[in-house]
Amino acid sequence: MADFKDMAGFKAEDGALASLVLLEELFSMLAQSGIVPQSKLGDVVRSAAARLDTSDHFGAGAAIQHYFEAWLRD
């Protein structure tokens, strides 16, 4: 495991992917606990993807849809 204090070894892609995976885990835990209904979590994903699609970062919206596609089924 890399030394977390050495940030020079991290790439932007590593941070972006880590953030997506962390959020996906958080969504799963929230849905399983019943704190937030899964349908509301799907609304969050749709809203985030829509905001990104209106920006110059179309790939970011596609990434959200890809990693959170399970939340878009409801």
PDB file of N, CA and C in Angstrom:
ATOM      1  N   MET A   1       0.849  -1.173   0.000  1.00  0.00           N
ATOM      2  CA  MET A   1       0.000   0.000   0.000  1.00  0.00           C
ATOM      3  C   MET A   1       0.897   1.240   0.000  1.00  0.00           C
ATOM      4  N   ALA A   2       0.521   2.209  -0.804  1.00  0.00           N
ATOM      5  CA  ALA A   2       1.306   3.436  -0.923  1.00  0.00           C
ATOM      6  C   ALA A   2       1.201   4.272   0.346  1.00  0.00           C
ATOM      7  N   ASP A   3       2.249   5.027   0.609  1.00  0.00           N
ATOM      8  CA  ASP A   3       2.261   5.938   1.752  1.00  0.00           C
ATOM      9  C   ASP A   3       1.316   7.100   1.450  1.00  0.00           C
ATOM     10  N   PHE A   4       0.252   7.233   2.233  1.00  0.00           N
ATOM     11  CA  PHE A   4      -0.757   8.258   1.954  1.00  0.00           C
ATOM     12  C   PHE A   4      -0.223   9.669   2.112  1.00  0.00           C
ATOM     13  N   LYS A   5       0.908   9.833   2.761  1.00  0.00           N
ATOM     14  CA  LYS A   5       1.473  11.173   2.938  1.00  0.00           C
ATOM     15  C   LYS A   5       2.163  11.656   1.672  1.00  0.00           C
ATOM     16  N   ASP A   6       2.499  10.745   0.765  1.00  0.00           N
ATOM     17  CA  ASP A   6       3.201  11.099  -0.464  1.00  0.00           C
ATOM     18  C   ASP A   6       2.193  11.350  -1.579  1.00  0.00           C
ATOM     19  N   MET A   7       1.609  12.521  -1.602  1.00  0.00           N
ATOM     20  CA  MET A   7       0.579  12.849  -2.583  1.00  0.00           C
ATOM     21  C   MET A   7       1.145  12.996  -3.992  1.00  0.00           C
ATOM     22  N   ALA A   8       2.457  13.123  -4.126  1.00  0.00           N
ATOM     23  CA  ALA A   8       3.054  13.267  -5.451  1.00  0.00           C
ATOM     24  C   ALA A   8       2.849  12.008  -6.288  1.00  0.00           C
ATOM     25  N   GLY A   9       2.618  10.873  -5.634  1.00  0.00           N
ATOM     26  CA  GLY A   9       2.427   9.622  -6.357  1.00  0.00           C
ATOM     27  C   GLY A   9       1.010   9.407  -6.853  1.00  0.00           C
ATOM     28  N   PHE A  10       0.086  10.275  -6.490  1.00  0.00           N
ATOM     29  CA  PHE A  10      -1.304  10.124  -6.907  1.00  0.00           C
ATOM     30  C   PHE A  10      -1.544  10.832  -8.232  1.00  0.00           C
ATOM     31  N   LYS A  11      -2.393  10.244  -9.044  1.00  0.00           N
ATOM     32  CA  LYS A  11      -2.819  10.886 -10.288  1.00  0.00           C
ATOM     33  C   LYS A  11      -4.232  11.416 -10.078  1.00  0.00           C
ATOM     34  N   ALA A  12      -4.629  12.380 -10.877  1.00  0.00           N
ATOM     35  CA  ALA A  12      -5.991  12.921 -10.789  1.00  0.00           C
ATOM     36  C   ALA A  12      -7.022  11.822 -11.025  1.00  0.00           C
ATOM     37  N   GLU A  13      -6.700  10.897 -11.929  1.00  0.00           N
ATOM     38  CA  GLU A  13      -7.623   9.795 -12.220  1.00  0.00           C
ATOM     39  C   GLU A  13      -7.824   8.916 -10.993  1.00  0.00           C
ATOM     40  N   ASP A  14      -6.756   8.714 -10.217  1.00  0.00           N
ATOM     41  CA  ASP A  14      -6.859   7.911  -8.995  1.00  0.00           C
ATOM     42  C   ASP A  14      -7.833   8.557  -8.014  1.00  0.00           C
ATOM     43  N   GLY A  15      -7.704   9.849  -7.841  1.00  0.00           N
ATOM     44  CA  GLY A  15      -8.584  10.569  -6.925  1.00  0.00           C
ATOM     45  C   GLY A  15     -10.027  10.561  -7.392  1.00  0.00           C
ATOM     46  N   ALA A  16     -10.228  10.733  -8.688  1.00  0.00           N
ATOM     47  CA  ALA A  16     -11.588  10.737  -9.233  1.00  0.00           C
ATOM     48  C   ALA A  16     -12.243   9.371  -9.066  1.00  0.00           C
ATOM     49  N   LEU A  17     -11.516   8.314  -9.390  1.00  0.00           N
ATOM     50  CA  LEU A  17     -12.073   6.969  -9.256  1.00  0.00           C
ATOM     51  C   LEU A  17     -12.333   6.633  -7.794  1.00  0.00           C
ATOM     52  N   ALA A  18     -11.420   7.011  -6.925  1.00  0.00           N
ATOM     53  CA  ALA A  18     -11.609   6.761  -5.495  1.00  0.00           C
ATOM     54  C   ALA A  18     -12.853   7.471  -4.981  1.00  0.00           C
ATOM     55  N   SER A  19     -13.079   8.690  -5.427  1.00  0.00           N
ATOM     56  CA  SER A  19     -14.269   9.440  -5.006  1.00  0.00           C
ATOM     57  C   SER A  19     -15.547   8.765  -5.477  1.00  0.00           C
ATOM     58  N   LEU A  20     -15.548   8.292  -6.720  1.00  0.00           N
ATOM     59  CA  LEU A  20     -16.730   7.608  -7.242  1.00  0.00           C
ATOM     60  C   LEU A  20     -17.028   6.330  -6.470  1.00  0.00           C
ATOM     61  N   VAL A  21     -15.994   5.547  -6.196  1.00  0.00           N
ATOM     62  CA  VAL A  21     -16.197   4.293  -5.467  1.00  0.00           C
ATOM     63  C   VAL A  21     -16.663   4.577  -4.042  1.00  0.00           C
ATOM     64  N   LEU A  22     -16.080   5.577  -3.409  1.00  0.00           N
ATOM     65  CA  LEU A  22     -16.485   5.944  -2.055  1.00  0.00           C
ATOM     66  C   LEU A  22     -17.956   6.363  -2.022  1.00  0.00           C
ATOM     67  N   LEU A  23     -18.365   7.186  -2.972  1.00  0.00           N
ATOM     68  CA  LEU A  23     -19.767   7.612  -3.036  1.00  0.00           C
ATOM     69  C   LEU A  23     -20.704   6.446  -3.329  1.00  0.00           C
ATOM     70  N   GLU A  24     -20.268   5.542  -4.189  1.00  0.00           N
ATOM     71  CA  GLU A  24     -21.098   4.379  -4.491  1.00  0.00           C
ATOM     72  C   GLU A  24     -21.310   3.528  -3.238  1.00  0.00           C
ATOM     73  N   GLU A  25     -20.261   3.350  -2.449  1.00  0.00           N
ATOM     74  CA  GLU A  25     -20.378   2.609  -1.189  1.00  0.00           C
ATOM     75  C   GLU A  25     -21.306   3.339  -0.213  1.00  0.00           C
ATOM     76  N   LEU A  26     -21.186   4.645  -0.149  1.00  0.00           N
ATOM     77  CA  LEU A  26     -22.049   5.441   0.723  1.00  0.00           C
ATOM     78  C   LEU A  26     -23.512   5.304   0.312  1.00  0.00           C
ATOM     79  N   PHE A  27     -23.779   5.389  -0.987  1.00  0.00           N
ATOM     80  CA  PHE A  27     -25.143   5.214  -1.483  1.00  0.00           C
ATOM     81  C   PHE A  27     -25.683   3.849  -1.078  1.00  0.00           C
ATOM     82  N   SER A  28     -24.879   2.819  -1.227  1.00  0.00           N
ATOM     83  CA  SER A  28     -25.321   1.464  -0.867  1.00  0.00           C
ATOM     84  C   SER A  28     -25.671   1.374   0.607  1.00  0.00           C
ATOM     85  N   MET A  29     -24.825   1.928   1.450  1.00  0.00           N
ATOM     86  CA  MET A  29     -25.073   1.882   2.893  1.00  0.00           C
ATOM     87  C   MET A  29     -26.318   2.686   3.267  1.00  0.00           C
ATOM     88  N   LEU A  30     -26.504   3.847   2.654  1.00  0.00           N
ATOM     89  CA  LEU A  30     -27.691   4.657   2.935  1.00  0.00           C
ATOM     90  C   LEU A  30     -28.962   3.923   2.523  1.00  0.00           C
ATOM     91  N   ALA A  31     -28.932   3.295   1.367  1.00  0.00           N
ATOM     92  CA  ALA A  31     -30.113   2.573   0.892  1.00  0.00           C
ATOM     93  C   ALA A  31     -30.404   1.360   1.770  1.00  0.00           C
ATOM     94  N   GLN A  32     -29.362   0.618   2.137  1.00  0.00           N
ATOM     95  CA  GLN A  32     -29.548  -0.573   2.973  1.00  0.00           C
ATOM     96  C   GLN A  32     -30.072  -0.214   4.352  1.00  0.00           C
ATOM     97  N   SER A  33     -29.650   0.918   4.860  1.00  0.00           N
ATOM     98  CA  SER A  33     -30.068   1.319   6.199  1.00  0.00           C
ATOM     99  C   SER A  33     -31.488   1.874   6.216  1.00  0.00           C
ATOM    100  N   GLY A  34     -31.981   2.265   5.055  1.00  0.00           N
ATOM    101  CA  GLY A  34     -33.316   2.843   4.982  1.00  0.00           C
ATOM    102  C   GLY A  34     -33.356   4.319   5.332  1.00  0.00           C
ATOM    103  N   ILE A  35     -32.195   4.919   5.576  1.00  0.00           N
ATOM    104  CA  ILE A  35     -32.139   6.339   5.920  1.00  0.00           C
ATOM    105  C   ILE A  35     -32.651   7.189   4.762  1.00  0.00           C
ATOM    106  N   VAL A  36     -32.211   6.843   3.562  1.00  0.00           N
ATOM    107  CA  VAL A  36     -32.641   7.560   2.361  1.00  0.00           C
ATOM    108  C   VAL A  36     -33.206   6.524   1.389  1.00  0.00           C
ATOM    109  N   PRO A  37     -34.428   6.731   0.902  1.00  0.00           N
ATOM    110  CA  PRO A  37     -35.004   5.774  -0.050  1.00  0.00           C
ATOM    111  C   PRO A  37     -34.166   5.687  -1.328  1.00  0.00           C
ATOM    112  N   GLN A  38     -34.070   4.492  -1.886  1.00  0.00           N
ATOM    113  CA  GLN A  38     -33.281   4.291  -3.093  1.00  0.00           C
ATOM    114  C   GLN A  38     -33.764   5.183  -4.228  1.00  0.00           C
ATOM    115  N   SER A  39     -35.059   5.437  -4.306  1.00  0.00           N
ATOM    116  CA  SER A  39     -35.582   6.300  -5.373  1.00  0.00           C
ATOM    117  C   SER A  39     -35.018   7.717  -5.259  1.00  0.00           C
ATOM    118  N   LYS A  40     -34.830   8.197  -4.044  1.00  0.00           N
ATOM    119  CA  LYS A  40     -34.254   9.538  -3.844  1.00  0.00           C
ATOM    120  C   LYS A  40     -32.783   9.553  -4.238  1.00  0.00           C
ATOM    121  N   LEU A  41     -32.072   8.459  -3.958  1.00  0.00           N
ATOM    122  CA  LEU A  41     -30.673   8.372  -4.365  1.00  0.00           C
ATOM    123  C   LEU A  41     -30.576   8.368  -5.891  1.00  0.00           C
ATOM    124  N   GLY A  42     -31.528   7.715  -6.553  1.00  0.00           N
ATOM    125  CA  GLY A  42     -31.581   7.747  -8.014  1.00  0.00           C
ATOM    126  C   GLY A  42     -31.800   9.157  -8.529  1.00  0.00           C
ATOM    127  N   ASP A  43     -32.638   9.927  -7.834  1.00  0.00           N
ATOM    128  CA  ASP A  43     -32.863  11.328  -8.208  1.00  0.00           C
ATOM    129  C   ASP A  43     -31.568  12.132  -8.117  1.00  0.00           C
ATOM    130  N   VAL A  44     -30.772  11.860  -7.089  1.00  0.00           N
ATOM    131  CA  VAL A  44     -29.487  12.553  -6.924  1.00  0.00           C
ATOM    132  C   VAL A  44     -28.572  12.244  -8.102  1.00  0.00           C
ATOM    133  N   VAL A  45     -28.509  10.977  -8.495  1.00  0.00           N
ATOM    134  CA  VAL A  45     -27.652  10.572  -9.614  1.00  0.00           C
ATOM    135  C   VAL A  45     -28.121  11.238 -10.908  1.00  0.00           C
ATOM    136  N   ARG A  46     -29.420  11.203 -11.168  1.00  0.00           N
ATOM    137  CA  ARG A  46     -29.949  11.835 -12.384  1.00  0.00           C
ATOM    138  C   ARG A  46     -29.663  13.336 -12.407  1.00  0.00           C
ATOM    139  N   SER A  47     -29.818  13.983 -11.279  1.00  0.00           N
ATOM    140  CA  SER A  47     -29.563  15.424 -11.186  1.00  0.00           C
ATOM    141  C   SER A  47     -28.093  15.745 -11.435  1.00  0.00           C
ATOM    142  N   ALA A  48     -27.206  14.958 -10.834  1.00  0.00           N
ATOM    143  CA  ALA A  48     -25.767  15.187 -11.027  1.00  0.00           C
ATOM    144  C   ALA A  48     -25.376  14.977 -12.487  1.00  0.00           C
ATOM    145  N   ALA A  49     -25.877  13.913 -13.097  1.00  0.00           N
ATOM    146  CA  ALA A  49     -25.560  13.642 -14.504  1.00  0.00           C
ATOM    147  C   ALA A  49     -26.091  14.757 -15.396  1.00  0.00           C
ATOM    148  N   ALA A  50     -27.293  15.244 -15.114  1.00  0.00           N
ATOM    149  CA  ALA A  50     -27.878  16.325 -15.909  1.00  0.00           C
ATOM    150  C   ALA A  50     -27.055  17.604 -15.784  1.00  0.00           C
ATOM    151  N   ARG A  51     -26.603  17.913 -14.588  1.00  0.00           N
ATOM    152  CA  ARG A  51     -25.775  19.117 -14.395  1.00  0.00           C
ATOM    153  C   ARG A  51     -24.474  19.003 -15.167  1.00  0.00           C
ATOM    154  N   LEU A  52     -23.861  17.826 -15.118  1.00  0.00           N
ATOM    155  CA  LEU A  52     -22.595  17.638 -15.823  1.00  0.00           C
ATOM    156  C   LEU A  52     -22.787  17.648 -17.334  1.00  0.00           C
ATOM    157  N   ASP A  53     -23.927  17.178 -17.806  1.00  0.00           N
ATOM    158  CA  ASP A  53     -24.193  17.170 -19.248  1.00  0.00           C
ATOM    159  C   ASP A  53     -24.372  18.575 -19.805  1.00  0.00           C
ATOM    160  N   THR A  54     -24.690  19.544 -18.955  1.00  0.00           N
ATOM    161  CA  THR A  54     -24.826  20.925 -19.417  1.00  0.00           C
ATOM    162  C   THR A  54     -23.520  21.696 -19.266  1.00  0.00           C
ATOM    163  N   SER A  55     -22.470  21.014 -18.839  1.00  0.00           N
ATOM    164  CA  SER A  55     -21.157  21.645 -18.699  1.00  0.00           C
ATOM    165  C   SER A  55     -20.259  21.171 -19.839  1.00  0.00           C
ATOM    166  N   ASP A  56     -19.017  21.549 -19.777  1.00  0.00           N
ATOM    167  CA  ASP A  56     -18.035  21.091 -20.764  1.00  0.00           C
ATOM    168  C   ASP A  56     -17.445  19.740 -20.381  1.00  0.00           C
ATOM    169  N   HIS A  57     -17.997  19.092 -19.379  1.00  0.00           N
ATOM    170  CA  HIS A  57     -17.449  17.838 -18.870  1.00  0.00           C
ATOM    171  C   HIS A  57     -18.410  16.681 -19.137  1.00  0.00           C
ATOM    172  N   PHE A  58     -18.682  16.428 -20.416  1.00  0.00           N
ATOM    173  CA  PHE A  58     -19.635  15.384 -20.790  1.00  0.00           C
ATOM    174  C   PHE A  58     -19.179  14.014 -20.299  1.00  0.00           C
ATOM    175  N   GLY A  59     -17.880  13.790 -20.300  1.00  0.00           N
ATOM    176  CA  GLY A  59     -17.350  12.509 -19.824  1.00  0.00           C
ATOM    177  C   GLY A  59     -17.648  12.281 -18.357  1.00  0.00           C
ATOM    178  N   ALA A  60     -17.701  13.344 -17.584  1.00  0.00           N
ATOM    179  CA  ALA A  60     -17.999  13.212 -16.152  1.00  0.00           C
ATOM    180  C   ALA A  60     -19.439  12.753 -15.955  1.00  0.00           C
ATOM    181  N   GLY A  61     -20.355  13.285 -16.737  1.00  0.00           N
ATOM    182  CA  GLY A  61     -21.746  12.840 -16.662  1.00  0.00           C
ATOM    183  C   GLY A  61     -21.877  11.377 -17.048  1.00  0.00           C
ATOM    184  N   ALA A  62     -21.134  10.970 -18.070  1.00  0.00           N
ATOM    185  CA  ALA A  62     -21.152   9.567 -18.496  1.00  0.00           C
ATOM    186  C   ALA A  62     -20.569   8.669 -17.413  1.00  0.00           C
ATOM    187  N   ALA A  63     -19.538   9.139 -16.726  1.00  0.00           N
ATOM    188  CA  ALA A  63     -18.944   8.353 -15.639  1.00  0.00           C
ATOM    189  C   ALA A  63     -19.936   8.175 -14.495  1.00  0.00           C
ATOM    190  N   ILE A  64     -20.644   9.236 -14.147  1.00  0.00           N
ATOM    191  CA  ILE A  64     -21.664   9.137 -13.096  1.00  0.00           C
ATOM    192  C   ILE A  64     -22.713   8.107 -13.491  1.00  0.00           C
ATOM    193  N   GLN A  65     -23.188   8.191 -14.726  1.00  0.00           N
ATOM    194  CA  GLN A  65     -24.206   7.247 -15.182  1.00  0.00           C
ATOM    195  C   GLN A  65     -23.674   5.821 -15.185  1.00  0.00           C
ATOM    196  N   HIS A  66     -22.407   5.649 -15.537  1.00  0.00           N
ATOM    197  CA  HIS A  66     -21.815   4.304 -15.573  1.00  0.00           C
ATOM    198  C   HIS A  66     -21.684   3.712 -14.171  1.00  0.00           C
ATOM    199  N   TYR A  67     -21.076   4.445 -13.264  1.00  0.00           N
ATOM    200  CA  TYR A  67     -20.807   3.913 -11.927  1.00  0.00           C
ATOM    201  C   TYR A  67     -22.064   3.808 -11.066  1.00  0.00           C
ATOM    202  N   PHE A  68     -23.061   4.599 -11.380  1.00  0.00           N
ATOM    203  CA  PHE A  68     -24.275   4.607 -10.567  1.00  0.00           C
ATOM    204  C   PHE A  68     -25.491   4.108 -11.345  1.00  0.00           C
ATOM    205  N   GLU A  69     -25.256   3.298 -12.395  1.00  0.00           N
ATOM    206  CA  GLU A  69     -26.370   2.843 -13.227  1.00  0.00           C
ATOM    207  C   GLU A  69     -27.406   2.055 -12.439  1.00  0.00           C
ATOM    208  N   ALA A  70     -26.996   1.352 -11.414  1.00  0.00           N
ATOM    209  CA  ALA A  70     -27.949   0.588 -10.600  1.00  0.00           C
ATOM    210  C   ALA A  70     -28.974   1.510  -9.948  1.00  0.00           C
ATOM    211  N   TRP A  71     -28.586   2.739  -9.655  1.00  0.00           N
ATOM    212  CA  TRP A  71     -29.494   3.688  -9.010  1.00  0.00           C
ATOM    213  C   TRP A  71     -30.455   4.306 -10.009  1.00  0.00           C
ATOM    214  N   LEU A  72     -30.169   4.170 -11.297  1.00  0.00           N
ATOM    215  CA  LEU A  72     -31.018   4.768 -12.321  1.00  0.00           C
ATOM    216  C   LEU A  72     -32.140   3.836 -12.760  1.00  0.00           C
ATOM    217  N   ARG A  73     -32.143   2.615 -12.288  1.00  0.00           N
ATOM    218  CA  ARG A  73     -33.167   1.640 -12.689  1.00  0.00           C
ATOM    219  C   ARG A  73     -34.501   1.902 -12.012  1.00  0.00           C
ATOM    220  N   ASP A  74     -34.497   2.614 -10.918  1.00  0.00           N
ATOM    221  CA  ASP A  74     -35.736   2.860 -10.173  1.00  0.00           C
ATOM    222  C   ASP A  74     -36.390   4.154 -10.594  1.00  0.00           C
TER     223      ASP A  74
END
